Amino acid sequence: WYDSTLKEEGFVLEWADSNNKNKFTTLKDPYDGKFYGVNSGDVEIS
């Protein structure tokens, strides 16, 4: 995730519904700027 190589390394991410933890939606862009940011060399996942 830090290196932005999730797909190449074989990882698929899904996010659970806030009201139902057993209902998942594929996280199509794990590097979306809404929750993925780079700050002074660190990667912040919000």
ModelCIF file with pLDDT and N, C-alpha, C, O atoms, coordinates in Angstrom:
data_MODEL
#
_entry.id   MODEL 
#
_entity.id                         1 
_entity.type                       polymer 
_entity.pdbx_number_of_molecules   1 
#
_entity_poly.entity_id                      1 
_entity_poly.type                           'polypeptide(L)' 
_entity_poly.nstd_linkage                   no 
_entity_poly.nstd_monomer                   no 
_entity_poly.pdbx_seq_one_letter_code       WYDSTLKEEGFVLEWADSNNKNKFTTLKDPYDGKFYGVNSGDVEIS 
_entity_poly.pdbx_seq_one_letter_code_can   WYDSTLKEEGFVLEWADSNNKNKFTTLKDPYDGKFYGVNSGDVEIS 
_entity_poly.pdbx_strand_id                 A 
#
loop_
_entity_poly_seq.entity_id 
_entity_poly_seq.num 
_entity_poly_seq.mon_id 
_entity_poly_seq.hetero 
1 1  TRP n 
1 2  TYR n 
1 3  ASP n 
1 4  SER n 
1 5  THR n 
1 6  LEU n 
1 7  LYS n 
1 8  GLU n 
1 9  GLU n 
1 10 GLY n 
1 11 PHE n 
1 12 VAL n 
1 13 LEU n 
1 14 GLU n 
1 15 TRP n 
1 16 ALA n 
1 17 ASP n 
1 18 SER n 
1 19 ASN n 
1 20 ASN n 
1 21 LYS n 
1 22 ASN n 
1 23 LYS n 
1 24 PHE n 
1 25 THR n 
1 26 THR n 
1 27 LEU n 
1 28 LYS n 
1 29 ASP n 
1 30 PRO n 
1 31 TYR n 
1 32 ASP n 
1 33 GLY n 
1 34 LYS n 
1 35 PHE n 
1 36 TYR n 
1 37 GLY n 
1 38 VAL n 
1 39 ASN n 
1 40 SER n 
1 41 GLY n 
1 42 ASP n 
1 43 VAL n 
1 44 GLU n 
1 45 ILE n 
1 46 SER n 
#
_struct_asym.id          A 
_struct_asym.entity_id   1 
#
loop_
_ma_qa_metric.id 
_ma_qa_metric.mode 
_ma_qa_metric.name 
_ma_qa_metric.software_group_id 
_ma_qa_metric.type 
1 global pLDDT . pLDDT 
2 local  pLDDT . pLDDT 
#
_ma_qa_metric_global.metric_id      1 
_ma_qa_metric_global.metric_value   93.24 
_ma_qa_metric_global.model_id       1 
_ma_qa_metric_global.ordinal_id     1 
#
loop_
_ma_qa_metric_local.label_asym_id 
_ma_qa_metric_local.label_comp_id 
_ma_qa_metric_local.label_seq_id 
_ma_qa_metric_local.metric_id 
_ma_qa_metric_local.metric_value 
_ma_qa_metric_local.model_id 
_ma_qa_metric_local.ordinal_id 
A TRP 1  2 98.00 1 1  
A TYR 2  2 97.00 1 2  
A ASP 3  2 96.00 1 3  
A SER 4  2 97.00 1 4  
A THR 5  2 97.00 1 5  
A LEU 6  2 98.00 1 6  
A LYS 7  2 97.00 1 7  
A GLU 8  2 97.00 1 8  
A GLU 9  2 97.00 1 9  
A GLY 10 2 97.00 1 10 
A PHE 11 2 98.00 1 11 
A VAL 12 2 97.00 1 12 
A LEU 13 2 97.00 1 13 
A GLU 14 2 97.00 1 14 
A TRP 15 2 94.00 1 15 
A ALA 16 2 92.00 1 16 
A ASP 17 2 86.00 1 17 
A SER 18 2 81.00 1 18 
A ASN 19 2 82.00 1 19 
A ASN 20 2 81.00 1 20 
A LYS 21 2 78.00 1 21 
A ASN 22 2 81.00 1 22 
A LYS 23 2 89.00 1 23 
A PHE 24 2 93.00 1 24 
A THR 25 2 94.00 1 25 
A THR 26 2 95.00 1 26 
A LEU 27 2 94.00 1 27 
A LYS 28 2 93.00 1 28 
A ASP 29 2 96.00 1 29 
A PRO 30 2 96.00 1 30 
A TYR 31 2 97.00 1 31 
A ASP 32 2 96.00 1 32 
A GLY 33 2 95.00 1 33 
A LYS 34 2 94.00 1 34 
A PHE 35 2 94.00 1 35 
A TYR 36 2 97.00 1 36 
A GLY 37 2 96.00 1 37 
A VAL 38 2 94.00 1 38 
A ASN 39 2 90.00 1 39 
A SER 40 2 87.00 1 40 
A GLY 41 2 88.00 1 41 
A ASP 42 2 94.00 1 42 
A VAL 43 2 96.00 1 43 
A GLU 44 2 96.00 1 44 
A ILE 45 2 96.00 1 45 
A SER 46 2 94.00 1 46 
#
loop_
_atom_site.group_PDB 
_atom_site.id 
_atom_site.type_symbol 
_atom_site.label_atom_id 
_atom_site.label_alt_id 
_atom_site.label_comp_id 
_atom_site.label_asym_id 
_atom_site.label_entity_id 
_atom_site.label_seq_id 
_atom_site.pdbx_PDB_ins_code 
_atom_site.Cartn_x 
_atom_site.Cartn_y 
_atom_site.Cartn_z 
_atom_site.occupancy 
_atom_site.B_iso_or_equiv 
_atom_site.pdbx_formal_charge 
_atom_site.auth_seq_id 
_atom_site.auth_comp_id 
_atom_site.auth_asym_id 
_atom_site.auth_atom_id 
_atom_site.pdbx_PDB_model_num 
ATOM 1   N N  . TRP A 1 1  ? 0.845   -1.196  0.000  1.00 98.00 ? 1  TRP A N  1 
ATOM 2   C CA . TRP A 1 1  ? 0.000   0.000   0.000  1.00 98.00 ? 1  TRP A CA 1 
ATOM 3   C C  . TRP A 1 1  ? 0.880   1.244   0.000  1.00 98.00 ? 1  TRP A C  1 
ATOM 4   O O  . TRP A 1 1  ? 0.588   2.224   -0.686 1.00 98.00 ? 1  TRP A O  1 
ATOM 5   N N  . TYR A 1 2  ? 1.947   1.196   0.769  1.00 97.00 ? 2  TYR A N  1 
ATOM 6   C CA . TYR A 1 2  ? 2.898   2.318   0.803  1.00 97.00 ? 2  TYR A CA 1 
ATOM 7   C C  . TYR A 1 2  ? 3.504   2.545   -0.576 1.00 97.00 ? 2  TYR A C  1 
ATOM 8   O O  . TYR A 1 2  ? 3.632   3.684   -1.024 1.00 97.00 ? 2  TYR A O  1 
ATOM 9   N N  . ASP A 1 3  ? 3.880   1.448   -1.252 1.00 96.00 ? 3  ASP A N  1 
ATOM 10  C CA . ASP A 1 3  ? 4.554   1.547   -2.549 1.00 96.00 ? 3  ASP A CA 1 
ATOM 11  C C  . ASP A 1 3  ? 3.588   1.717   -3.722 1.00 96.00 ? 3  ASP A C  1 
ATOM 12  O O  . ASP A 1 3  ? 4.022   1.861   -4.864 1.00 96.00 ? 3  ASP A O  1 
ATOM 13  N N  . SER A 1 4  ? 2.279   1.701   -3.447 1.00 97.00 ? 4  SER A N  1 
ATOM 14  C CA . SER A 1 4  ? 1.252   1.778   -4.498 1.00 97.00 ? 4  SER A CA 1 
ATOM 15  C C  . SER A 1 4  ? 1.369   0.622   -5.491 1.00 97.00 ? 4  SER A C  1 
ATOM 16  O O  . SER A 1 4  ? 1.258   0.813   -6.702 1.00 97.00 ? 4  SER A O  1 
ATOM 17  N N  . THR A 1 5  ? 1.594   -0.577  -4.958 1.00 97.00 ? 5  THR A N  1 
ATOM 18  C CA . THR A 1 5  ? 1.748   -1.763  -5.811 1.00 97.00 ? 5  THR A CA 1 
ATOM 19  C C  . THR A 1 5  ? 0.791   -2.882  -5.395 1.00 97.00 ? 5  THR A C  1 
ATOM 20  O O  . THR A 1 5  ? 1.098   -4.059  -5.588 1.00 97.00 ? 5  THR A O  1 
ATOM 21  N N  . LEU A 1 6  ? -0.359  -2.528  -4.830 1.00 98.00 ? 6  LEU A N  1 
ATOM 22  C CA . LEU A 1 6  ? -1.288  -3.544  -4.324 1.00 98.00 ? 6  LEU A CA 1 
ATOM 23  C C  . LEU A 1 6  ? -1.729  -4.518  -5.416 1.00 98.00 ? 6  LEU A C  1 
ATOM 24  O O  . LEU A 1 6  ? -1.677  -5.733  -5.226 1.00 98.00 ? 6  LEU A O  1 
ATOM 25  N N  . LYS A 1 7  ? -2.162  -3.984  -6.554 1.00 97.00 ? 7  LYS A N  1 
ATOM 26  C CA . LYS A 1 7  ? -2.651  -4.829  -7.643 1.00 97.00 ? 7  LYS A CA 1 
ATOM 27  C C  . LYS A 1 7  ? -1.543  -5.728  -8.173 1.00 97.00 ? 7  LYS A C  1 
ATOM 28  O O  . LYS A 1 7  ? -1.753  -6.919  -8.399 1.00 97.00 ? 7  LYS A O  1 
ATOM 29  N N  . GLU A 1 8  ? -0.366  -5.150  -8.369 1.00 97.00 ? 8  GLU A N  1 
ATOM 30  C CA . GLU A 1 8  ? 0.759   -5.921  -8.898 1.00 97.00 ? 8  GLU A CA 1 
ATOM 31  C C  . GLU A 1 8  ? 1.171   -7.036  -7.941 1.00 97.00 ? 8  GLU A C  1 
ATOM 32  O O  . GLU A 1 8  ? 1.610   -8.102  -8.374 1.00 97.00 ? 8  GLU A O  1 
ATOM 33  N N  . GLU A 1 9  ? 1.030   -6.789  -6.648 1.00 97.00 ? 9  GLU A N  1 
ATOM 34  C CA . GLU A 1 9  ? 1.431   -7.775  -5.647 1.00 97.00 ? 9  GLU A CA 1 
ATOM 35  C C  . GLU A 1 9  ? 0.339   -8.802  -5.357 1.00 97.00 ? 9  GLU A C  1 
ATOM 36  O O  . GLU A 1 9  ? 0.590   -9.787  -4.662 1.00 97.00 ? 9  GLU A O  1 
ATOM 37  N N  . GLY A 1 10 ? -0.878  -8.584  -5.885 1.00 97.00 ? 10 GLY A N  1 
ATOM 38  C CA . GLY A 1 10 ? -1.931  -9.587  -5.746 1.00 97.00 ? 10 GLY A CA 1 
ATOM 39  C C  . GLY A 1 10 ? -2.968  -9.321  -4.673 1.00 97.00 ? 10 GLY A C  1 
ATOM 40  O O  . GLY A 1 10 ? -3.697  -10.233 -4.283 1.00 97.00 ? 10 GLY A O  1 
ATOM 41  N N  . PHE A 1 11 ? -3.051  -8.078  -4.182 1.00 98.00 ? 11 PHE A N  1 
ATOM 42  C CA . PHE A 1 11 ? -4.010  -7.744  -3.132 1.00 98.00 ? 11 PHE A CA 1 
ATOM 43  C C  . PHE A 1 11 ? -5.254  -7.073  -3.719 1.00 98.00 ? 11 PHE A C  1 
ATOM 44  O O  . PHE A 1 11 ? -5.155  -6.194  -4.575 1.00 98.00 ? 11 PHE A O  1 
ATOM 45  N N  . VAL A 1 12 ? -6.416  -7.502  -3.246 1.00 97.00 ? 12 VAL A N  1 
ATOM 46  C CA . VAL A 1 12 ? -7.692  -6.894  -3.613 1.00 97.00 ? 12 VAL A CA 1 
ATOM 47  C C  . VAL A 1 12 ? -8.368  -6.407  -2.340 1.00 97.00 ? 12 VAL A C  1 
ATOM 48  O O  . VAL A 1 12 ? -8.504  -7.163  -1.378 1.00 97.00 ? 12 VAL A O  1 
ATOM 49  N N  . LEU A 1 13 ? -8.796  -5.135  -2.329 1.00 97.00 ? 13 LEU A N  1 
ATOM 50  C CA . LEU A 1 13 ? -9.368  -4.522  -1.135 1.00 97.00 ? 13 LEU A CA 1 
ATOM 51  C C  . LEU A 1 13 ? -10.872 -4.316  -1.283 1.00 97.00 ? 13 LEU A C  1 
ATOM 52  O O  . LEU A 1 13 ? -11.371 -3.942  -2.345 1.00 97.00 ? 13 LEU A O  1 
ATOM 53  N N  . GLU A 1 14 ? -11.579 -4.574  -0.178 1.00 97.00 ? 14 GLU A N  1 
ATOM 54  C CA . GLU A 1 14 ? -13.014 -4.321  -0.115 1.00 97.00 ? 14 GLU A CA 1 
ATOM 55  C C  . GLU A 1 14 ? -13.319 -3.609  1.203  1.00 97.00 ? 14 GLU A C  1 
ATOM 56  O O  . GLU A 1 14 ? -12.717 -3.889  2.240  1.00 97.00 ? 14 GLU A O  1 
ATOM 57  N N  . TRP A 1 15 ? -14.270 -2.684  1.127  1.00 94.00 ? 15 TRP A N  1 
ATOM 58  C CA . TRP A 1 15 ? -14.619 -1.899  2.304  1.00 94.00 ? 15 TRP A CA 1 
ATOM 59  C C  . TRP A 1 15 ? -16.019 -2.277  2.783  1.00 94.00 ? 15 TRP A C  1 
ATOM 60  O O  . TRP A 1 15 ? -16.943 -2.395  1.978  1.00 94.00 ? 15 TRP A O  1 
ATOM 61  N N  . ALA A 1 16 ? -16.174 -2.465  4.089  1.00 92.00 ? 16 ALA A N  1 
ATOM 62  C CA . ALA A 1 16 ? -17.448 -2.897  4.651  1.00 92.00 ? 16 ALA A CA 1 
ATOM 63  C C  . ALA A 1 16 ? -18.415 -1.729  4.777  1.00 92.00 ? 16 ALA A C  1 
ATOM 64  O O  . ALA A 1 16 ? -18.010 -0.595  5.035  1.00 92.00 ? 16 ALA A O  1 
ATOM 65  N N  . ASP A 1 17 ? -19.686 -2.020  4.594  1.00 86.00 ? 17 ASP A N  1 
ATOM 66  C CA . ASP A 1 17 ? -20.739 -1.033  4.798  1.00 86.00 ? 17 ASP A CA 1 
ATOM 67  C C  . ASP A 1 17 ? -20.736 -0.606  6.266  1.00 86.00 ? 17 ASP A C  1 
ATOM 68  O O  . ASP A 1 17 ? -20.607 -1.450  7.153  1.00 86.00 ? 17 ASP A O  1 
ATOM 69  N N  . SER A 1 18 ? -20.874 0.675   6.524  1.00 81.00 ? 18 SER A N  1 
ATOM 70  C CA . SER A 1 18 ? -20.817 1.177   7.899  1.00 81.00 ? 18 SER A CA 1 
ATOM 71  C C  . SER A 1 18 ? -21.936 0.617   8.770  1.00 81.00 ? 18 SER A C  1 
ATOM 72  O O  . SER A 1 18 ? -21.804 0.543   9.991  1.00 81.00 ? 18 SER A O  1 
ATOM 73  N N  . ASN A 1 19 ? -23.036 0.225   8.136  1.00 82.00 ? 19 ASN A N  1 
ATOM 74  C CA . ASN A 1 19 ? -24.171 -0.320  8.885  1.00 82.00 ? 19 ASN A CA 1 
ATOM 75  C C  . ASN A 1 19 ? -24.219 -1.841  8.878  1.00 82.00 ? 19 ASN A C  1 
ATOM 76  O O  . ASN A 1 19 ? -24.975 -2.445  9.639  1.00 82.00 ? 19 ASN A O  1 
ATOM 77  N N  . ASN A 1 20 ? -23.414 -2.458  8.021  1.00 81.00 ? 20 ASN A N  1 
ATOM 78  C CA . ASN A 1 20 ? -23.405 -3.915  7.925  1.00 81.00 ? 20 ASN A CA 1 
ATOM 79  C C  . ASN A 1 20 ? -21.984 -4.374  7.605  1.00 81.00 ? 20 ASN A C  1 
ATOM 80  O O  . ASN A 1 20 ? -21.539 -4.279  6.461  1.00 81.00 ? 20 ASN A O  1 
ATOM 81  N N  . LYS A 1 21 ? -21.273 -4.871  8.619  1.00 78.00 ? 21 LYS A N  1 
ATOM 82  C CA . LYS A 1 21 ? -19.873 -5.237  8.447  1.00 78.00 ? 21 LYS A CA 1 
ATOM 83  C C  . LYS A 1 21 ? -19.681 -6.446  7.535  1.00 78.00 ? 21 LYS A C  1 
ATOM 84  O O  . LYS A 1 21 ? -18.558 -6.732  7.119  1.00 78.00 ? 21 LYS A O  1 
ATOM 85  N N  . ASN A 1 22 ? -20.764 -7.158  7.221  1.00 81.00 ? 22 ASN A N  1 
ATOM 86  C CA . ASN A 1 22 ? -20.656 -8.322  6.357  1.00 81.00 ? 22 ASN A CA 1 
ATOM 87  C C  . ASN A 1 22 ? -20.977 -8.005  4.899  1.00 81.00 ? 22 ASN A C  1 
ATOM 88  O O  . ASN A 1 22 ? -20.967 -8.900  4.054  1.00 81.00 ? 22 ASN A O  1 
ATOM 89  N N  . LYS A 1 23 ? -21.259 -6.751  4.602  1.00 89.00 ? 23 LYS A N  1 
ATOM 90  C CA . LYS A 1 23 ? -21.545 -6.319  3.242  1.00 89.00 ? 23 LYS A CA 1 
ATOM 91  C C  . LYS A 1 23 ? -20.372 -5.475  2.756  1.00 89.00 ? 23 LYS A C  1 
ATOM 92  O O  . LYS A 1 23 ? -20.074 -4.423  3.321  1.00 89.00 ? 23 LYS A O  1 
ATOM 93  N N  . PHE A 1 24 ? -19.698 -5.960  1.684  1.00 93.00 ? 24 PHE A N  1 
ATOM 94  C CA . PHE A 1 24 ? -18.472 -5.317  1.227  1.00 93.00 ? 24 PHE A CA 1 
ATOM 95  C C  . PHE A 1 24 ? -18.610 -4.765  -0.188 1.00 93.00 ? 24 PHE A C  1 
ATOM 96  O O  . PHE A 1 24 ? -19.349 -5.292  -1.019 1.00 93.00 ? 24 PHE A O  1 
ATOM 97  N N  . THR A 1 25 ? -17.869 -3.682  -0.430 1.00 94.00 ? 25 THR A N  1 
ATOM 98  C CA . THR A 1 25 ? -17.784 -3.076  -1.754 1.00 94.00 ? 25 THR A CA 1 
ATOM 99  C C  . THR A 1 25 ? -16.320 -2.956  -2.142 1.00 94.00 ? 25 THR A C  1 
ATOM 100 O O  . THR A 1 25 ? -15.499 -2.509  -1.342 1.00 94.00 ? 25 THR A O  1 
ATOM 101 N N  . THR A 1 26 ? -15.989 -3.350  -3.361 1.00 95.00 ? 26 THR A N  1 
ATOM 102 C CA . THR A 1 26 ? -14.598 -3.286  -3.813 1.00 95.00 ? 26 THR A CA 1 
ATOM 103 C C  . THR A 1 26 ? -14.079 -1.853  -3.798 1.00 95.00 ? 26 THR A C  1 
ATOM 104 O O  . THR A 1 26 ? -14.736 -0.927  -4.274 1.00 95.00 ? 26 THR A O  1 
ATOM 105 N N  . LEU A 1 27 ? -12.889 -1.698  -3.240 1.00 94.00 ? 27 LEU A N  1 
ATOM 106 C CA . LEU A 1 27 ? -12.228 -0.392  -3.212 1.00 94.00 ? 27 LEU A CA 1 
ATOM 107 C C  . LEU A 1 27 ? -11.469 -0.258  -4.529 1.00 94.00 ? 27 LEU A C  1 
ATOM 108 O O  . LEU A 1 27 ? -10.332 -0.714  -4.648 1.00 94.00 ? 27 LEU A O  1 
ATOM 109 N N  . LYS A 1 28 ? -12.107 0.373   -5.518 1.00 93.00 ? 28 LYS A N  1 
ATOM 110 C CA . LYS A 1 28 ? -11.557 0.405   -6.874 1.00 93.00 ? 28 LYS A CA 1 
ATOM 111 C C  . LYS A 1 28 ? -10.241 1.172   -6.957 1.00 93.00 ? 28 LYS A C  1 
ATOM 112 O O  . LYS A 1 28 ? -9.344  0.785   -7.707 1.00 93.00 ? 28 LYS A O  1 
ATOM 113 N N  . ASP A 1 29 ? -10.122 2.245   -6.199 1.00 96.00 ? 29 ASP A N  1 
ATOM 114 C CA . ASP A 1 29 ? -8.899  3.039   -6.220 1.00 96.00 ? 29 ASP A CA 1 
ATOM 115 C C  . ASP A 1 29 ? -8.356  3.178   -4.804 1.00 96.00 ? 29 ASP A C  1 
ATOM 116 O O  . ASP A 1 29 ? -8.747  4.098   -4.085 1.00 96.00 ? 29 ASP A O  1 
ATOM 117 N N  . PRO A 1 30 ? -7.451  2.271   -4.385 1.00 96.00 ? 30 PRO A N  1 
ATOM 118 C CA . PRO A 1 30 ? -6.895  2.333   -3.028 1.00 96.00 ? 30 PRO A CA 1 
ATOM 119 C C  . PRO A 1 30 ? -6.018  3.555   -2.787 1.00 96.00 ? 30 PRO A C  1 
ATOM 120 O O  . PRO A 1 30 ? -5.581  3.800   -1.663 1.00 96.00 ? 30 PRO A O  1 
ATOM 121 N N  . TYR A 1 31 ? -5.760  4.328   -3.859 1.00 97.00 ? 31 TYR A N  1 
ATOM 122 C CA . TYR A 1 31 ? -4.897  5.502   -3.735 1.00 97.00 ? 31 TYR A CA 1 
ATOM 123 C C  . TYR A 1 31 ? -5.679  6.790   -3.955 1.00 97.00 ? 31 TYR A C  1 
ATOM 124 O O  . TYR A 1 31 ? -5.112  7.823   -4.310 1.00 97.00 ? 31 TYR A O  1 
ATOM 125 N N  . ASP A 1 32 ? -6.980  6.716   -3.741 1.00 96.00 ? 32 ASP A N  1 
ATOM 126 C CA . ASP A 1 32 ? -7.851  7.888   -3.883 1.00 96.00 ? 32 ASP A CA 1 
ATOM 127 C C  . ASP A 1 32 ? -7.406  8.963   -2.894 1.00 96.00 ? 32 ASP A C  1 
ATOM 128 O O  . ASP A 1 32 ? -7.225  8.690   -1.707 1.00 96.00 ? 32 ASP A O  1 
ATOM 129 N N  . GLY A 1 33 ? -7.232  10.182  -3.394 1.00 95.00 ? 33 GLY A N  1 
ATOM 130 C CA . GLY A 1 33 ? -6.771  11.284  -2.554 1.00 95.00 ? 33 GLY A CA 1 
ATOM 131 C C  . GLY A 1 33 ? -7.694  11.619  -1.402 1.00 95.00 ? 33 GLY A C  1 
ATOM 132 O O  . GLY A 1 33 ? -7.309  12.359  -0.497 1.00 95.00 ? 33 GLY A O  1 
ATOM 133 N N  . LYS A 1 34 ? -8.913  11.083  -1.418 1.00 94.00 ? 34 LYS A N  1 
ATOM 134 C CA . LYS A 1 34 ? -9.849  11.345  -0.323 1.00 94.00 ? 34 LYS A CA 1 
ATOM 135 C C  . LYS A 1 34 ? -9.381  10.695  0.986  1.00 94.00 ? 34 LYS A C  1 
ATOM 136 O O  . LYS A 1 34 ? -9.687  11.178  2.076  1.00 94.00 ? 34 LYS A O  1 
ATOM 137 N N  . PHE A 1 35 ? -8.626  9.581   0.855  1.00 94.00 ? 35 PHE A N  1 
ATOM 138 C CA . PHE A 1 35 ? -8.179  8.890   2.065  1.00 94.00 ? 35 PHE A CA 1 
ATOM 139 C C  . PHE A 1 35 ? -6.721  8.432   1.986  1.00 94.00 ? 35 PHE A C  1 
ATOM 140 O O  . PHE A 1 35 ? -6.201  7.880   2.956  1.00 94.00 ? 35 PHE A O  1 
ATOM 141 N N  . TYR A 1 36 ? -6.048  8.651   0.840  1.00 97.00 ? 36 TYR A N  1 
ATOM 142 C CA . TYR A 1 36 ? -4.657  8.236   0.681  1.00 97.00 ? 36 TYR A CA 1 
ATOM 143 C C  . TYR A 1 36 ? -3.817  9.474   0.381  1.00 97.00 ? 36 TYR A C  1 
ATOM 144 O O  . TYR A 1 36 ? -3.991  10.127  -0.648 1.00 97.00 ? 36 TYR A O  1 
ATOM 145 N N  . GLY A 1 37 ? -2.909  9.779   1.295  1.00 96.00 ? 37 GLY A N  1 
ATOM 146 C CA . GLY A 1 37 ? -2.091  10.973  1.101  1.00 96.00 ? 37 GLY A CA 1 
ATOM 147 C C  . GLY A 1 37 ? -0.643  10.721  1.487  1.00 96.00 ? 37 GLY A C  1 
ATOM 148 O O  . GLY A 1 37 ? -0.353  9.888   2.346  1.00 96.00 ? 37 GLY A O  1 
ATOM 149 N N  . VAL A 1 38 ? 0.262   11.447  0.845  1.00 94.00 ? 38 VAL A N  1 
ATOM 150 C CA . VAL A 1 38 ? 1.691   11.338  1.144  1.00 94.00 ? 38 VAL A CA 1 
ATOM 151 C C  . VAL A 1 38 ? 2.136   12.608  1.841  1.00 94.00 ? 38 VAL A C  1 
ATOM 152 O O  . VAL A 1 38 ? 1.903   13.716  1.358  1.00 94.00 ? 38 VAL A O  1 
ATOM 153 N N  . ASN A 1 39 ? 2.789   12.426  2.999  1.00 90.00 ? 39 ASN A N  1 
ATOM 154 C CA . ASN A 1 39 ? 3.214   13.570  3.802  1.00 90.00 ? 39 ASN A CA 1 
ATOM 155 C C  . ASN A 1 39 ? 4.620   13.319  4.321  1.00 90.00 ? 39 ASN A C  1 
ATOM 156 O O  . ASN A 1 39 ? 4.822   12.468  5.187  1.00 90.00 ? 39 ASN A O  1 
ATOM 157 N N  . SER A 1 40 ? 5.590   14.055  3.798  1.00 87.00 ? 40 SER A N  1 
ATOM 158 C CA . SER A 1 40 ? 6.996   13.945  4.228  1.00 87.00 ? 40 SER A CA 1 
ATOM 159 C C  . SER A 1 40 ? 7.506   12.511  4.133  1.00 87.00 ? 40 SER A C  1 
ATOM 160 O O  . SER A 1 40 ? 8.239   12.048  5.006  1.00 87.00 ? 40 SER A O  1 
ATOM 161 N N  . GLY A 1 41 ? 7.120   11.819  3.079  1.00 88.00 ? 41 GLY A N  1 
ATOM 162 C CA . GLY A 1 41 ? 7.593   10.456  2.870  1.00 88.00 ? 41 GLY A CA 1 
ATOM 163 C C  . GLY A 1 41 ? 6.733   9.386   3.499  1.00 88.00 ? 41 GLY A C  1 
ATOM 164 O O  . GLY A 1 41 ? 6.900   8.205   3.192  1.00 88.00 ? 41 GLY A O  1 
ATOM 165 N N  . ASP A 1 42 ? 5.809   9.767   4.377  1.00 94.00 ? 42 ASP A N  1 
ATOM 166 C CA . ASP A 1 42 ? 4.893   8.818   4.990  1.00 94.00 ? 42 ASP A CA 1 
ATOM 167 C C  . ASP A 1 42 ? 3.588   8.784   4.206  1.00 94.00 ? 42 ASP A C  1 
ATOM 168 O O  . ASP A 1 42 ? 3.210   9.761   3.560  1.00 94.00 ? 42 ASP A O  1 
ATOM 169 N N  . VAL A 1 43 ? 2.909   7.645   4.273  1.00 96.00 ? 43 VAL A N  1 
ATOM 170 C CA . VAL A 1 43 ? 1.603   7.510   3.636  1.00 96.00 ? 43 VAL A CA 1 
ATOM 171 C C  . VAL A 1 43 ? 0.529   7.511   4.718  1.00 96.00 ? 43 VAL A C  1 
ATOM 172 O O  . VAL A 1 43 ? 0.560   6.699   5.643  1.00 96.00 ? 43 VAL A O  1 
ATOM 173 N N  . GLU A 1 44 ? -0.412  8.426   4.589  1.00 96.00 ? 44 GLU A N  1 
ATOM 174 C CA . GLU A 1 44 ? -1.485  8.548   5.573  1.00 96.00 ? 44 GLU A CA 1 
ATOM 175 C C  . GLU A 1 44 ? -2.780  7.988   4.992  1.00 96.00 ? 44 GLU A C  1 
ATOM 176 O O  . GLU A 1 44 ? -3.267  8.454   3.962  1.00 96.00 ? 44 GLU A O  1 
ATOM 177 N N  . ILE A 1 45 ? -3.331  6.973   5.675  1.00 96.00 ? 45 ILE A N  1 
ATOM 178 C CA . ILE A 1 45 ? -4.589  6.355   5.283  1.00 96.00 ? 45 ILE A CA 1 
ATOM 179 C C  . ILE A 1 45 ? -5.676  6.819   6.249  1.00 96.00 ? 45 ILE A C  1 
ATOM 180 O O  . ILE A 1 45 ? -5.668  6.443   7.421  1.00 96.00 ? 45 ILE A O  1 
ATOM 181 N N  . SER A 1 46 ? -6.592  7.617   5.772  1.00 94.00 ? 46 SER A N  1 
ATOM 182 C CA . SER A 1 46 ? -7.643  8.159   6.640  1.00 94.00 ? 46 SER A CA 1 
ATOM 183 C C  . SER A 1 46 ? -8.942  7.397   6.420  1.00 94.00 ? 46 SER A C  1 
ATOM 184 O O  . SER A 1 46 ? -9.951  7.700   7.057  1.00 94.00 ? 46 SER A O  1 
#
